[in-house]
């Protein structure tokens, strides 16, 4: 990229070094969106498939490419959710998650703040 092209308003690509996002924020948004639509999240085991709609809306809101299922699962683990890995032949998205009330509330609050912007 030449210096003359820097100010043309071209957005960086997903793999450009300037592009960064926090996967935990994307998942907070998705889990908050899920709850905002009236679905219960906290304290129940959910197949990852149940969050796909909310995840897709989060990817669109953050303007990023979808994350791999394994990356979603690992980020949820790091956030403190219980993640169970299933054999690949059981489900297309082979993870089940259980989110604590604390994580669910934090996610809903994050989503509401994000919507206000």
Protein backbone atom coordinates (compact mmCIF):
# COMPACT_ATOMS: atom_id res chain seq x y z
CA UNK A 1 0.00 0.00 0.00
CA UNK A 2 1.43 3.36 -0.97
CA UNK A 3 1.20 6.45 1.19
CA UNK A 4 -1.31 8.00 -1.21
CA UNK A 5 -3.73 5.10 -0.61
CA UNK A 6 -3.72 5.31 3.17
CA UNK A 7 -6.40 8.00 3.37
CA UNK A 8 -8.78 6.58 0.77
CA UNK A 9 -11.07 5.01 3.36
CA UNK A 10 -10.17 1.45 2.44
CA UNK A 11 -10.84 -0.76 5.42
CA UNK A 12 -8.16 -3.23 6.44
CA UNK A 13 -8.78 -6.90 5.72
CA UNK A 14 -9.41 -9.52 8.38
CA UNK A 15 -5.81 -10.70 8.43
CA UNK A 16 -4.18 -7.27 8.24
CA UNK A 17 -2.25 -6.39 11.42
CA UNK A 18 -4.40 -3.28 12.04
CA UNK A 19 -7.53 -5.41 12.41
CA UNK A 20 -8.14 -6.64 15.91
CA UNK A 21 -11.11 -7.72 17.95
CA UNK A 22 -11.64 -9.42 21.24
CA UNK A 23 -13.30 -12.81 20.73
CA UNK A 24 -14.70 -12.63 24.27
CA UNK A 25 -16.51 -9.39 23.39
CA UNK A 26 -17.97 -11.02 20.28
CA UNK A 27 -19.25 -13.92 22.41
CA UNK A 28 -20.57 -11.55 25.10
CA UNK A 29 -22.50 -9.75 22.39
CA UNK A 30 -23.88 -13.05 21.03
CA UNK A 31 -24.91 -14.37 24.45
CA UNK A 32 -26.50 -11.02 25.33
CA UNK A 33 -28.37 -11.00 22.02
CA UNK A 34 -29.58 -14.55 22.69
CA UNK A 35 -31.00 -13.49 26.05
CA UNK A 36 -32.40 -10.22 24.71
CA UNK A 37 -34.54 -12.28 22.34
CA UNK A 38 -36.14 -13.99 25.34
CA UNK A 39 -34.11 -17.21 25.49
CA UNK A 40 -32.77 -18.55 28.77
CA UNK A 41 -29.00 -18.94 28.85
CA UNK A 42 -27.80 -19.24 32.45
CA UNK A 43 -27.53 -22.56 34.22
CA UNK A 44 -28.68 -24.82 31.41
CA UNK A 45 -26.79 -26.98 28.98
CA UNK A 46 -27.10 -25.77 25.40
CA UNK A 47 -25.84 -27.18 22.14
CA UNK A 48 -23.59 -24.67 20.39
CA UNK A 49 -26.08 -24.86 17.49
CA UNK A 50 -28.58 -22.93 19.63
CA UNK A 51 -26.27 -19.89 19.63
CA UNK A 52 -25.49 -19.88 15.90
CA UNK A 53 -28.05 -17.20 15.02
CA UNK A 54 -26.79 -14.92 17.78
CA UNK A 55 -23.19 -15.64 16.80
CA UNK A 56 -23.91 -14.72 13.18
CA UNK A 57 -25.49 -11.43 14.29
CA UNK A 58 -22.42 -10.75 16.45
CA UNK A 59 -20.05 -11.43 13.54
CA UNK A 60 -22.04 -8.96 11.47
CA UNK A 61 -22.05 -6.35 14.26
CA UNK A 62 -18.26 -6.64 14.66
CA UNK A 63 -17.77 -6.95 10.89
CA UNK A 64 -15.63 -10.08 11.19
CA UNK A 65 -15.54 -13.51 9.60
CA UNK A 66 -17.13 -16.30 11.63
CA UNK A 67 -14.93 -17.98 14.21
CA UNK A 68 -14.26 -21.70 14.11
CA UNK A 69 -16.33 -23.74 16.55
CA UNK A 70 -13.18 -24.77 18.44
CA UNK A 71 -12.20 -21.09 18.86
CA UNK A 72 -15.67 -20.27 20.18
CA UNK A 73 -15.50 -23.20 22.61
CA UNK A 74 -12.03 -22.26 23.85
CA UNK A 75 -13.00 -18.62 24.35
CA UNK A 76 -16.07 -19.71 26.31
CA UNK A 77 -13.84 -21.93 28.49
CA UNK A 78 -11.50 -19.02 29.15
CA UNK A 79 -14.51 -16.86 30.06
CA UNK A 80 -15.52 -19.46 32.65
CA UNK A 81 -18.26 -21.39 30.89
CA UNK A 82 -18.40 -25.16 31.10
CA UNK A 83 -17.80 -26.62 27.64
CA UNK A 84 -18.30 -30.28 26.79
CA UNK A 85 -16.79 -31.61 23.58
CA UNK A 86 -18.82 -34.25 21.78
CA UNK A 87 -17.62 -36.72 19.14
CA UNK A 88 -17.76 -35.20 15.66
CA UNK A 89 -20.30 -37.76 14.43
CA UNK A 90 -22.84 -36.66 17.07
CA UNK A 91 -23.34 -33.08 15.90
CA UNK A 92 -22.20 -30.69 13.19
CA UNK A 93 -21.11 -28.23 15.91
CA UNK A 94 -19.91 -30.74 18.54
CA UNK A 95 -19.94 -28.66 21.71
CA UNK A 96 -22.37 -28.22 24.58
CA UNK A 97 -22.05 -25.24 26.85
CA UNK A 98 -23.27 -24.25 30.27
CA UNK A 99 -23.00 -20.59 31.21
CA UNK A 100 -23.12 -19.31 34.78
CA UNK A 101 -25.60 -16.65 35.87
CA UNK A 102 -22.70 -14.22 36.32
CA UNK A 103 -21.48 -14.65 32.72
CA UNK A 104 -25.05 -14.46 31.40
CA UNK A 105 -25.74 -11.21 33.27
CA UNK A 106 -22.41 -9.72 32.17
CA UNK A 107 -23.20 -10.65 28.56
CA UNK A 108 -26.67 -9.13 28.64
CA UNK A 109 -25.29 -5.93 30.15
CA UNK A 110 -22.54 -5.79 27.48
CA UNK A 111 -25.10 -6.30 24.71
CA UNK A 112 -27.39 -3.56 26.05
CA UNK A 113 -24.47 -1.11 26.29
CA UNK A 114 -23.36 -2.03 22.77
CA UNK A 115 -26.88 -1.42 21.40
CA UNK A 116 -26.98 2.06 22.99
CA UNK A 117 -23.94 3.22 21.01
